[in-house]
């Protein structure tokens, strides 16, 4: 009996809690074994919760410059909380983010790939995920609601994409801080 009690106590204390839970969504602290949760936060607009943003990195960092300059694998996950976001609104948001964080020459140079990226988007609904998975040899693989939609090449494109959340003019400062693990 004593051995059973000891085993129960050891079992109870050896199970680990999830890394984080936001808006009822459990966010794992690692993906596969090479990506670690750098940070996560909720993107709100007015009083509405739009999505949970999660940033996973091979080499976690608390500075935007280090994340943007890192050449390793990266993954941005957006767990959709809002009832429905149509493709046009998503594309408008991407374009606003690119324009706010890139110079005119950078925007011009990336224009064909930004269009390619925008063309991958469809309407998303609460409970679905958008996964932006940067693989150095391949590019940014876009998966929406569990279906791979396409790949956009280039480390420069991924840097521009992540600047939407981590650049000089992020979508929100609160989300930027959360993705950098500072909140």
N, C-alpha and C. Protein backbone atom coordinates (compact mmCIF):
# COMPACT_ATOMS: atom_id res chain seq x y z
N UNK A 1 0.82 -1.19 0.00
CA UNK A 1 0.00 0.00 0.00
C UNK A 1 0.87 1.26 0.00
N UNK A 2 1.91 1.22 0.81
CA UNK A 2 2.81 2.38 0.88
C UNK A 2 3.47 2.63 -0.47
N UNK A 3 3.87 1.55 -1.16
CA UNK A 3 4.51 1.70 -2.47
C UNK A 3 3.55 2.30 -3.49
N UNK A 4 2.29 1.91 -3.42
CA UNK A 4 1.30 2.46 -4.33
C UNK A 4 1.12 3.95 -4.08
N UNK A 5 1.07 4.33 -2.81
CA UNK A 5 0.93 5.74 -2.46
C UNK A 5 2.13 6.55 -2.95
N UNK A 6 3.31 6.04 -2.80
CA UNK A 6 4.53 6.71 -3.27
C UNK A 6 4.50 6.85 -4.79
N UNK A 7 4.09 5.79 -5.48
CA UNK A 7 4.03 5.85 -6.94
C UNK A 7 3.00 6.89 -7.39
N UNK A 8 1.87 6.99 -6.71
CA UNK A 8 0.86 7.98 -7.05
C UNK A 8 1.38 9.40 -6.85
N UNK A 9 2.07 9.61 -5.76
CA UNK A 9 2.64 10.94 -5.49
C UNK A 9 3.67 11.30 -6.55
N UNK A 10 4.56 10.38 -6.89
CA UNK A 10 5.58 10.62 -7.91
C UNK A 10 4.91 10.91 -9.25
N UNK A 11 3.88 10.14 -9.60
CA UNK A 11 3.18 10.36 -10.87
C UNK A 11 2.54 11.74 -10.91
N UNK A 12 1.88 12.13 -9.84
CA UNK A 12 1.20 13.43 -9.81
C UNK A 12 2.17 14.59 -9.98
N UNK A 13 3.35 14.47 -9.40
CA UNK A 13 4.31 15.56 -9.49
C UNK A 13 5.19 15.48 -10.72
N UNK A 14 5.17 14.35 -11.43
CA UNK A 14 6.02 14.23 -12.60
C UNK A 14 5.32 14.66 -13.88
N UNK A 15 4.01 14.79 -13.88
CA UNK A 15 3.33 15.25 -15.08
C UNK A 15 3.50 16.76 -15.19
N UNK A 16 3.77 17.20 -16.40
CA UNK A 16 4.01 18.63 -16.58
C UNK A 16 2.75 19.32 -17.08
N UNK A 17 2.62 20.56 -16.71
CA UNK A 17 1.49 21.37 -17.15
C UNK A 17 1.80 21.92 -18.54
N UNK A 18 0.76 22.25 -19.31
CA UNK A 18 1.02 22.84 -20.62
C UNK A 18 1.78 24.16 -20.45
N UNK A 19 2.52 24.53 -21.49
CA UNK A 19 3.34 25.73 -21.42
C UNK A 19 2.50 26.97 -21.18
N UNK A 20 1.37 27.05 -21.85
CA UNK A 20 0.59 28.27 -21.78
C UNK A 20 -0.82 27.98 -22.26
N UNK A 21 -1.77 28.68 -21.69
CA UNK A 21 -3.14 28.61 -22.19
C UNK A 21 -3.66 30.03 -22.33
N UNK A 22 -4.14 30.35 -23.54
CA UNK A 22 -4.70 31.67 -23.83
C UNK A 22 -6.07 31.47 -24.47
N UNK A 23 -7.06 32.17 -23.96
CA UNK A 23 -8.42 32.14 -24.52
C UNK A 23 -8.91 30.71 -24.74
N UNK A 24 -8.55 29.81 -23.83
CA UNK A 24 -9.00 28.44 -23.90
C UNK A 24 -8.20 27.56 -24.86
N UNK A 25 -7.12 28.10 -25.45
CA UNK A 25 -6.29 27.34 -26.37
C UNK A 25 -4.99 26.98 -25.67
N UNK A 26 -4.66 25.69 -25.65
CA UNK A 26 -3.41 25.24 -25.07
C UNK A 26 -2.31 25.37 -26.11
N UNK A 27 -1.24 26.02 -25.70
CA UNK A 27 -0.12 26.29 -26.59
C UNK A 27 1.07 25.46 -26.14
N UNK A 28 1.52 24.51 -26.97
CA UNK A 28 2.65 23.67 -26.57
C UNK A 28 3.94 24.48 -26.47
N UNK A 29 4.85 24.04 -25.59
CA UNK A 29 6.11 24.77 -25.45
C UNK A 29 7.17 24.34 -26.46
N UNK A 30 6.95 23.23 -27.14
CA UNK A 30 7.86 22.82 -28.22
C UNK A 30 7.05 22.23 -29.37
N UNK A 31 7.62 22.29 -30.55
CA UNK A 31 7.06 21.65 -31.74
C UNK A 31 8.14 20.75 -32.30
N UNK A 32 7.74 19.53 -32.61
CA UNK A 32 8.71 18.55 -33.08
C UNK A 32 9.81 18.56 -32.04
N UNK A 33 10.98 18.63 -32.19
CA UNK A 33 11.90 18.83 -31.08
C UNK A 33 12.85 19.97 -31.35
N UNK A 34 12.72 20.55 -32.53
CA UNK A 34 13.67 21.60 -32.88
C UNK A 34 13.13 23.02 -32.74
N UNK A 35 11.83 23.16 -32.52
CA UNK A 35 11.27 24.50 -32.37
C UNK A 35 10.69 24.67 -30.97
N UNK A 36 11.04 25.79 -30.34
CA UNK A 36 10.57 26.09 -28.99
C UNK A 36 9.70 27.34 -29.02
N UNK A 37 8.71 27.35 -28.16
CA UNK A 37 7.85 28.51 -28.05
C UNK A 37 8.68 29.70 -27.57
N UNK A 38 8.71 30.75 -28.36
CA UNK A 38 9.40 31.97 -27.98
C UNK A 38 8.47 32.88 -27.19
N UNK A 39 7.21 32.91 -27.62
CA UNK A 39 6.21 33.72 -26.95
C UNK A 39 4.88 33.62 -27.65
N UNK A 40 3.84 34.04 -26.95
CA UNK A 40 2.48 33.99 -27.51
C UNK A 40 1.64 35.09 -26.89
N UNK A 41 0.70 35.59 -27.67
CA UNK A 41 -0.19 36.62 -27.17
C UNK A 41 -1.44 36.72 -28.03
N UNK A 42 -2.37 37.51 -27.58
CA UNK A 42 -3.64 37.66 -28.28
C UNK A 42 -3.65 38.96 -29.07
N UNK A 43 -4.06 38.86 -30.33
CA UNK A 43 -4.26 40.05 -31.17
C UNK A 43 -5.71 40.46 -31.02
N UNK A 44 -5.90 41.63 -30.48
CA UNK A 44 -7.24 42.19 -30.32
C UNK A 44 -7.37 43.42 -31.17
N UNK A 45 -8.58 43.69 -31.60
CA UNK A 45 -8.87 44.91 -32.34
C UNK A 45 -10.18 45.43 -31.78
N UNK A 46 -10.14 46.65 -31.31
CA UNK A 46 -11.24 47.23 -30.55
C UNK A 46 -11.46 46.33 -29.33
N UNK A 47 -12.60 45.74 -29.18
CA UNK A 47 -12.85 44.88 -28.03
C UNK A 47 -12.91 43.41 -28.42
N UNK A 48 -12.55 43.11 -29.65
CA UNK A 48 -12.68 41.75 -30.17
C UNK A 48 -11.33 41.03 -30.15
N UNK A 49 -11.33 39.79 -29.71
CA UNK A 49 -10.15 38.94 -29.79
C UNK A 49 -10.15 38.33 -31.18
N UNK A 50 -9.09 38.58 -31.94
CA UNK A 50 -9.02 38.15 -33.34
C UNK A 50 -8.30 36.80 -33.46
N UNK A 51 -7.10 36.71 -32.89
CA UNK A 51 -6.35 35.45 -32.95
C UNK A 51 -5.31 35.41 -31.84
N UNK A 52 -4.82 34.22 -31.58
CA UNK A 52 -3.66 34.03 -30.71
C UNK A 52 -2.47 33.85 -31.63
N UNK A 53 -1.45 34.67 -31.47
CA UNK A 53 -0.22 34.54 -32.24
C UNK A 53 0.81 33.80 -31.40
N UNK A 54 1.44 32.81 -32.01
CA UNK A 54 2.47 32.01 -31.33
C UNK A 54 3.70 31.98 -32.21
N UNK A 55 4.84 32.29 -31.64
CA UNK A 55 6.09 32.29 -32.38
C UNK A 55 6.99 31.18 -31.84
N UNK A 56 7.36 30.26 -32.72
CA UNK A 56 8.26 29.16 -32.38
C UNK A 56 9.56 29.34 -33.15
N UNK A 57 10.68 29.13 -32.45
CA UNK A 57 11.99 29.34 -33.05
C UNK A 57 12.93 28.19 -32.73
N UNK A 58 13.90 27.99 -33.60
CA UNK A 58 14.99 27.06 -33.33
C UNK A 58 15.91 27.65 -32.25
N UNK A 59 16.09 28.96 -32.34
CA UNK A 59 16.98 29.68 -31.43
C UNK A 59 16.20 30.81 -30.76
N UNK A 60 15.51 30.53 -29.65
CA UNK A 60 14.69 31.56 -28.99
C UNK A 60 15.49 32.81 -28.64
N UNK A 61 14.80 33.93 -28.71
CA UNK A 61 15.44 35.21 -28.41
C UNK A 61 14.38 36.20 -27.94
N UNK A 62 14.82 37.17 -27.13
CA UNK A 62 13.88 38.20 -26.67
C UNK A 62 14.09 39.53 -27.38
N UNK A 63 14.86 39.52 -28.47
CA UNK A 63 15.02 40.74 -29.25
C UNK A 63 14.53 40.52 -30.69
N UNK A 64 13.81 41.49 -31.20
CA UNK A 64 13.26 41.38 -32.54
C UNK A 64 14.37 41.25 -33.58
N UNK A 65 15.42 42.01 -33.43
CA UNK A 65 16.52 41.97 -34.41
C UNK A 65 17.12 40.57 -34.50
N UNK A 66 17.32 39.92 -33.36
CA UNK A 66 17.89 38.57 -33.37
C UNK A 66 16.95 37.58 -34.06
N UNK A 67 15.66 37.70 -33.80
CA UNK A 67 14.68 36.80 -34.43
C UNK A 67 14.66 37.04 -35.94
N UNK A 68 14.58 38.29 -36.35
CA UNK A 68 14.50 38.61 -37.78
C UNK A 68 15.77 38.22 -38.53
N UNK A 69 16.93 38.32 -37.87
CA UNK A 69 18.21 38.00 -38.51
C UNK A 69 18.55 36.52 -38.48
N UNK A 70 17.87 35.76 -37.63
CA UNK A 70 18.16 34.34 -37.49
C UNK A 70 17.84 33.59 -38.79
N UNK A 71 18.74 32.73 -39.20
CA UNK A 71 18.56 31.99 -40.44
C UNK A 71 17.95 30.60 -40.23
N UNK A 72 17.63 30.26 -38.98
CA UNK A 72 17.06 28.95 -38.68
C UNK A 72 15.57 28.88 -38.95
N UNK A 73 15.01 27.71 -38.64
CA UNK A 73 13.56 27.50 -38.81
C UNK A 73 12.77 28.39 -37.87
N UNK A 74 11.61 28.82 -38.34
CA UNK A 74 10.71 29.66 -37.54
C UNK A 74 9.29 29.27 -37.90
N UNK A 75 8.41 29.42 -36.96
CA UNK A 75 7.00 29.17 -37.25
C UNK A 75 6.14 30.16 -36.51
N UNK A 76 5.26 30.82 -37.26
CA UNK A 76 4.25 31.70 -36.68
C UNK A 76 2.92 30.98 -36.83
N UNK A 77 2.22 30.84 -35.71
CA UNK A 77 0.92 30.18 -35.71
C UNK A 77 -0.11 31.20 -35.28
N UNK A 78 -1.22 31.21 -35.99
CA UNK A 78 -2.34 32.09 -35.64
C UNK A 78 -3.55 31.19 -35.38
N UNK A 79 -3.94 31.08 -34.12
CA UNK A 79 -5.16 30.35 -33.76
C UNK A 79 -6.31 31.35 -33.82
N UNK A 80 -7.20 31.16 -34.76
CA UNK A 80 -8.28 32.12 -35.01
C UNK A 80 -9.32 32.03 -33.89
N UNK A 81 -9.63 33.19 -33.32
CA UNK A 81 -10.63 33.29 -32.25
C UNK A 81 -11.92 33.95 -32.74
N UNK A 82 -11.79 34.85 -33.69
CA UNK A 82 -12.93 35.61 -34.19
C UNK A 82 -13.80 34.69 -35.07
N UNK A 83 -15.11 34.93 -35.08
CA UNK A 83 -16.04 34.06 -35.80
C UNK A 83 -15.60 33.76 -37.23
N UNK A 84 -15.29 34.80 -37.99
CA UNK A 84 -14.92 34.62 -39.38
C UNK A 84 -14.13 35.83 -39.86
N UNK A 85 -13.03 35.56 -40.56
CA UNK A 85 -12.23 36.62 -41.17
C UNK A 85 -12.12 36.28 -42.65
N UNK A 86 -12.69 37.13 -43.49
CA UNK A 86 -12.66 36.80 -44.91
C UNK A 86 -11.28 37.06 -45.50
N UNK A 87 -11.02 36.43 -46.63
CA UNK A 87 -9.71 36.50 -47.28
C UNK A 87 -9.31 37.94 -47.57
N UNK A 88 -10.26 38.77 -47.98
CA UNK A 88 -9.94 40.17 -48.30
C UNK A 88 -9.41 40.92 -47.08
N UNK A 89 -10.01 40.68 -45.91
CA UNK A 89 -9.54 41.32 -44.67
C UNK A 89 -8.15 40.83 -44.30
N UNK A 90 -7.89 39.54 -44.47
CA UNK A 90 -6.56 39.01 -44.19
C UNK A 90 -5.52 39.67 -45.09
N UNK A 91 -5.81 39.72 -46.38
CA UNK A 91 -4.87 40.31 -47.34
C UNK A 91 -4.65 41.79 -47.03
N UNK A 92 -5.72 42.49 -46.68
CA UNK A 92 -5.60 43.91 -46.31
C UNK A 92 -4.67 44.06 -45.10
N UNK A 93 -4.82 43.19 -44.12
CA UNK A 93 -3.96 43.22 -42.94
C UNK A 93 -2.51 42.94 -43.28
N UNK A 94 -2.27 41.92 -44.13
CA UNK A 94 -0.89 41.62 -44.54
C UNK A 94 -0.29 42.83 -45.24
N UNK A 95 -1.04 43.40 -46.18
CA UNK A 95 -0.51 44.52 -46.96
C UNK A 95 -0.23 45.74 -46.08
N UNK A 96 -1.10 46.01 -45.11
CA UNK A 96 -0.85 47.10 -44.17
C UNK A 96 0.43 46.85 -43.38
N UNK A 97 0.61 45.62 -42.94
CA UNK A 97 1.81 45.27 -42.17
C UNK A 97 3.09 45.37 -42.98
N UNK A 98 3.04 44.90 -44.22
CA UNK A 98 4.21 45.02 -45.09
C UNK A 98 4.53 46.50 -45.33
N UNK A 99 3.53 47.29 -45.66
CA UNK A 99 3.73 48.71 -45.97
C UNK A 99 4.28 49.47 -44.76
N UNK A 100 3.84 49.11 -43.56
CA UNK A 100 4.29 49.82 -42.36
C UNK A 100 5.73 49.50 -41.98
N UNK A 101 6.25 48.35 -42.43
CA UNK A 101 7.55 47.90 -41.96
C UNK A 101 8.62 47.78 -43.03
N UNK A 102 8.27 48.04 -44.28
CA UNK A 102 9.25 47.92 -45.37
C UNK A 102 9.40 49.26 -46.08
N UNK A 103 10.59 49.48 -46.61
CA UNK A 103 10.81 50.68 -47.42
C UNK A 103 10.12 50.47 -48.78
N UNK A 104 9.99 51.56 -49.53
CA UNK A 104 9.37 51.46 -50.86
C UNK A 104 10.14 50.49 -51.76
N UNK A 105 11.47 50.54 -51.69
CA UNK A 105 12.27 49.65 -52.54
C UNK A 105 12.11 48.19 -52.10
N UNK A 106 12.03 47.94 -50.81
CA UNK A 106 11.81 46.58 -50.34
C UNK A 106 10.44 46.06 -50.79
N UNK A 107 9.43 46.92 -50.64
CA UNK A 107 8.08 46.55 -51.09
C UNK A 107 8.07 46.22 -52.58
N UNK A 108 8.73 47.05 -53.36
CA UNK A 108 8.77 46.83 -54.81
C UNK A 108 9.48 45.52 -55.14
N UNK A 109 10.60 45.26 -54.48
CA UNK A 109 11.35 44.04 -54.73
C UNK A 109 10.60 42.78 -54.32
N UNK A 110 9.79 42.88 -53.28
CA UNK A 110 9.05 41.72 -52.79
C UNK A 110 7.64 41.61 -53.38
N UNK A 111 7.22 42.60 -54.17
CA UNK A 111 5.84 42.66 -54.66
C UNK A 111 5.34 41.35 -55.29
N UNK A 112 6.11 40.69 -56.17
CA UNK A 112 5.60 39.44 -56.75
C UNK A 112 5.37 38.34 -55.70
N UNK A 113 6.26 38.27 -54.72
CA UNK A 113 6.09 37.24 -53.69
C UNK A 113 5.00 37.62 -52.69
N UNK A 114 4.82 38.90 -52.42
CA UNK A 114 3.72 39.33 -51.56
C UNK A 114 2.39 38.98 -52.24
N UNK A 115 2.30 39.20 -53.54
CA UNK A 115 1.08 38.84 -54.27
C UNK A 115 0.86 37.33 -54.22
N UNK A 116 1.93 36.58 -54.44
CA UNK A 116 1.85 35.11 -54.36
C UNK A 116 1.34 34.67 -52.98
N UNK A 117 1.87 35.29 -51.94
CA UNK A 117 1.45 35.01 -50.56
C UNK A 117 -0.02 35.36 -50.37
N UNK A 118 -0.41 36.55 -50.77
CA UNK A 118 -1.80 36.99 -50.61
C UNK A 118 -2.78 36.07 -51.33
N UNK A 119 -2.37 35.57 -52.48
CA UNK A 119 -3.25 34.69 -53.27
C UNK A 119 -3.51 33.34 -52.59
N UNK A 120 -2.74 33.01 -51.57
CA UNK A 120 -2.92 31.73 -50.86
C UNK A 120 -4.06 31.77 -49.85
N UNK A 121 -4.56 32.96 -49.53
CA UNK A 121 -5.49 33.07 -48.41
C UNK A 121 -6.94 32.87 -48.79
N UNK A 122 -7.63 32.24 -47.85
CA UNK A 122 -9.06 31.97 -47.93
C UNK A 122 -9.70 32.47 -46.63
N UNK A 123 -11.00 32.49 -46.58
CA UNK A 123 -11.71 32.86 -45.35
C UNK A 123 -11.39 31.84 -44.26
N UNK A 124 -11.13 32.35 -43.05
CA UNK A 124 -10.87 31.47 -41.90
C UNK A 124 -11.93 31.71 -40.84
N UNK A 125 -12.12 30.68 -40.02
CA UNK A 125 -13.15 30.73 -38.98
C UNK A 125 -12.56 30.37 -37.63
N UNK A 126 -13.27 30.74 -36.59
CA UNK A 126 -12.85 30.43 -35.23
C UNK A 126 -12.53 28.94 -35.11
N UNK A 127 -11.42 28.64 -34.44
CA UNK A 127 -10.99 27.26 -34.25
C UNK A 127 -10.00 26.78 -35.29
N UNK A 128 -9.84 27.54 -36.39
CA UNK A 128 -8.89 27.15 -37.42
C UNK A 128 -7.54 27.82 -37.15
N UNK A 129 -6.51 27.30 -37.82
CA UNK A 129 -5.17 27.85 -37.67
C UNK A 129 -4.60 28.27 -39.00
N UNK A 130 -3.82 29.34 -38.94
CA UNK A 130 -2.94 29.71 -40.05
C UNK A 130 -1.52 29.45 -39.54
N UNK A 131 -0.77 28.64 -40.27
CA UNK A 131 0.60 28.32 -39.89
C UNK A 131 1.53 28.82 -40.99
N UNK A 132 2.50 29.64 -40.59
CA UNK A 132 3.50 30.20 -41.49
C UNK A 132 4.84 29.62 -41.06
N UNK A 133 5.25 28.56 -41.74
CA UNK A 133 6.39 27.75 -41.33
C UNK A 133 7.58 28.03 -42.25
N UNK A 134 8.58 28.74 -41.71
CA UNK A 134 9.77 29.04 -42.51
C UNK A 134 10.77 27.90 -42.41
N UNK A 135 11.11 27.36 -43.59
CA UNK A 135 12.11 26.30 -43.71
C UNK A 135 13.20 26.84 -44.63
N UNK A 136 14.42 27.02 -44.10
CA UNK A 136 15.47 27.72 -44.86
C UNK A 136 15.69 27.23 -46.29
N UNK A 137 15.61 25.94 -46.53
CA UNK A 137 15.87 25.44 -47.89
C UNK A 137 14.65 25.58 -48.80
N UNK A 138 13.48 25.82 -48.23
CA UNK A 138 12.24 25.81 -49.00
C UNK A 138 11.60 27.17 -49.10
N UNK A 139 11.47 27.85 -47.98
CA UNK A 139 10.78 29.12 -47.91
C UNK A 139 9.69 29.06 -46.85
N UNK A 140 8.70 29.92 -46.97
CA UNK A 140 7.61 30.00 -46.00
C UNK A 140 6.44 29.16 -46.51
N UNK A 141 6.18 28.07 -45.82
CA UNK A 141 5.08 27.18 -46.17
C UNK A 141 3.84 27.68 -45.44
N UNK A 142 2.77 27.93 -46.20
CA UNK A 142 1.53 28.45 -45.65
C UNK A 142 0.51 27.30 -45.56
N UNK A 143 0.04 27.06 -44.34
CA UNK A 143 -0.98 26.04 -44.11
C UNK A 143 -2.17 26.72 -43.44
N UNK A 144 -3.35 26.48 -43.98
CA UNK A 144 -4.57 27.08 -43.44
C UNK A 144 -5.57 25.97 -43.16
N UNK A 145 -6.06 25.93 -41.94
CA UNK A 145 -7.05 24.92 -41.53
C UNK A 145 -6.57 23.51 -41.86
N UNK A 146 -5.28 23.27 -41.62
CA UNK A 146 -4.71 21.94 -41.81
C UNK A 146 -4.36 21.57 -43.24
N UNK A 147 -4.57 22.48 -44.20
CA UNK A 147 -4.26 22.18 -45.60
C UNK A 147 -3.16 23.10 -46.10
N UNK A 148 -2.10 22.47 -46.62
CA UNK A 148 -1.00 23.26 -47.16
C UNK A 148 -1.49 23.98 -48.41
N UNK A 149 -1.31 25.31 -48.42
CA UNK A 149 -1.81 26.14 -49.52
C UNK A 149 -0.72 26.51 -50.52
N UNK A 150 0.55 26.52 -50.08
CA UNK A 150 1.63 26.88 -50.98
C UNK A 150 2.85 27.35 -50.21
N UNK A 151 3.90 27.67 -50.96
CA UNK A 151 5.18 28.08 -50.39
C UNK A 151 5.67 29.34 -51.09
N UNK A 152 6.16 30.28 -50.30
CA UNK A 152 6.74 31.51 -50.85
C UNK A 152 8.23 31.47 -50.52
N UNK A 153 9.06 31.59 -51.53
CA UNK A 153 10.51 31.43 -51.36
C UNK A 153 11.16 32.66 -50.73
N UNK A 154 12.32 32.41 -50.14
CA UNK A 154 13.20 33.49 -49.71
C UNK A 154 13.20 33.84 -48.23
N UNK A 155 14.42 33.94 -47.71
CA UNK A 155 14.60 34.40 -46.32
C UNK A 155 14.18 35.86 -46.21
N UNK A 156 14.39 36.63 -47.27
CA UNK A 156 14.00 38.04 -47.23
C UNK A 156 12.49 38.20 -47.12
N UNK A 157 11.74 37.32 -47.77
CA UNK A 157 10.29 37.38 -47.65
C UNK A 157 9.87 37.04 -46.22
N UNK A 158 10.47 35.99 -45.65
CA UNK A 158 10.08 35.61 -44.29
C UNK A 158 10.42 36.70 -43.29
N UNK A 159 11.55 37.34 -43.47
CA UNK A 159 11.91 38.46 -42.60
C UNK A 159 10.86 39.57 -42.70
N UNK A 160 10.45 39.90 -43.92
CA UNK A 160 9.42 40.92 -44.13
C UNK A 160 8.11 40.50 -43.48
N UNK A 161 7.75 39.23 -43.62
CA UNK A 161 6.52 38.73 -43.03
C UNK A 161 6.55 38.83 -41.51
N UNK A 162 7.63 38.38 -40.90
CA UNK A 162 7.72 38.45 -39.43
C UNK A 162 7.81 39.88 -38.93
N UNK A 163 8.25 40.80 -39.79
CA UNK A 163 8.30 42.20 -39.36
C UNK A 163 6.90 42.76 -39.11
N UNK A 164 5.88 42.13 -39.66
CA UNK A 164 4.50 42.55 -39.39
C UNK A 164 4.24 42.51 -37.88
N UNK A 165 4.80 41.52 -37.20
CA UNK A 165 4.63 41.39 -35.75
C UNK A 165 5.81 41.95 -34.96
N UNK A 166 7.01 41.91 -35.56
CA UNK A 166 8.22 42.23 -34.80
C UNK A 166 8.96 43.48 -35.29
N UNK A 167 8.50 44.08 -36.36
CA UNK A 167 9.19 45.22 -36.95
C UNK A 167 9.03 46.50 -36.15
N UNK A 168 9.51 47.58 -36.74
CA UNK A 168 9.44 48.90 -36.09
C UNK A 168 8.00 49.35 -35.84
N UNK A 169 7.09 48.92 -36.70
CA UNK A 169 5.68 49.30 -36.59
C UNK A 169 4.83 48.03 -36.58
N UNK A 170 4.87 47.27 -35.48
CA UNK A 170 4.15 45.99 -35.43
C UNK A 170 2.64 46.18 -35.40
N UNK A 171 1.94 45.10 -35.65
CA UNK A 171 0.48 45.13 -35.64
C UNK A 171 -0.02 45.68 -34.30
N UNK A 172 0.59 45.27 -33.19
CA UNK A 172 0.39 45.91 -31.88
C UNK A 172 1.66 45.72 -31.06
N UNK A 173 1.97 46.70 -30.23
CA UNK A 173 3.15 46.59 -29.37
C UNK A 173 2.98 45.47 -28.34
N UNK A 174 1.76 45.30 -27.82
CA UNK A 174 1.51 44.24 -26.84
C UNK A 174 1.81 42.86 -27.41
N UNK A 175 1.33 42.61 -28.64
CA UNK A 175 1.58 41.30 -29.26
C UNK A 175 3.06 41.13 -29.55
N UNK A 176 3.72 42.18 -29.98
CA UNK A 176 5.17 42.12 -30.24
C UNK A 176 5.92 41.69 -28.98
N UNK A 177 5.60 42.35 -27.87
CA UNK A 177 6.24 42.02 -26.60
C UNK A 177 5.95 40.57 -26.19
N UNK A 178 4.71 40.15 -26.37
CA UNK A 178 4.33 38.77 -26.01
C UNK A 178 5.09 37.75 -26.86
N UNK A 179 5.21 38.00 -28.16
CA UNK A 179 5.92 37.06 -29.05
C UNK A 179 7.40 36.99 -28.71
N UNK A 180 7.93 38.07 -28.15
CA UNK A 180 9.34 38.08 -27.73
C UNK A 180 9.51 37.54 -26.31
N UNK A 181 8.43 37.04 -25.74
CA UNK A 181 8.50 36.43 -24.41
C UNK A 181 8.61 37.44 -23.29
N UNK A 182 8.22 38.67 -23.53
CA UNK A 182 8.37 39.72 -22.52
C UNK A 182 7.08 40.03 -21.79
N UNK A 183 6.01 39.30 -22.06
CA UNK A 183 4.73 39.53 -21.37
C UNK A 183 4.18 38.23 -20.86
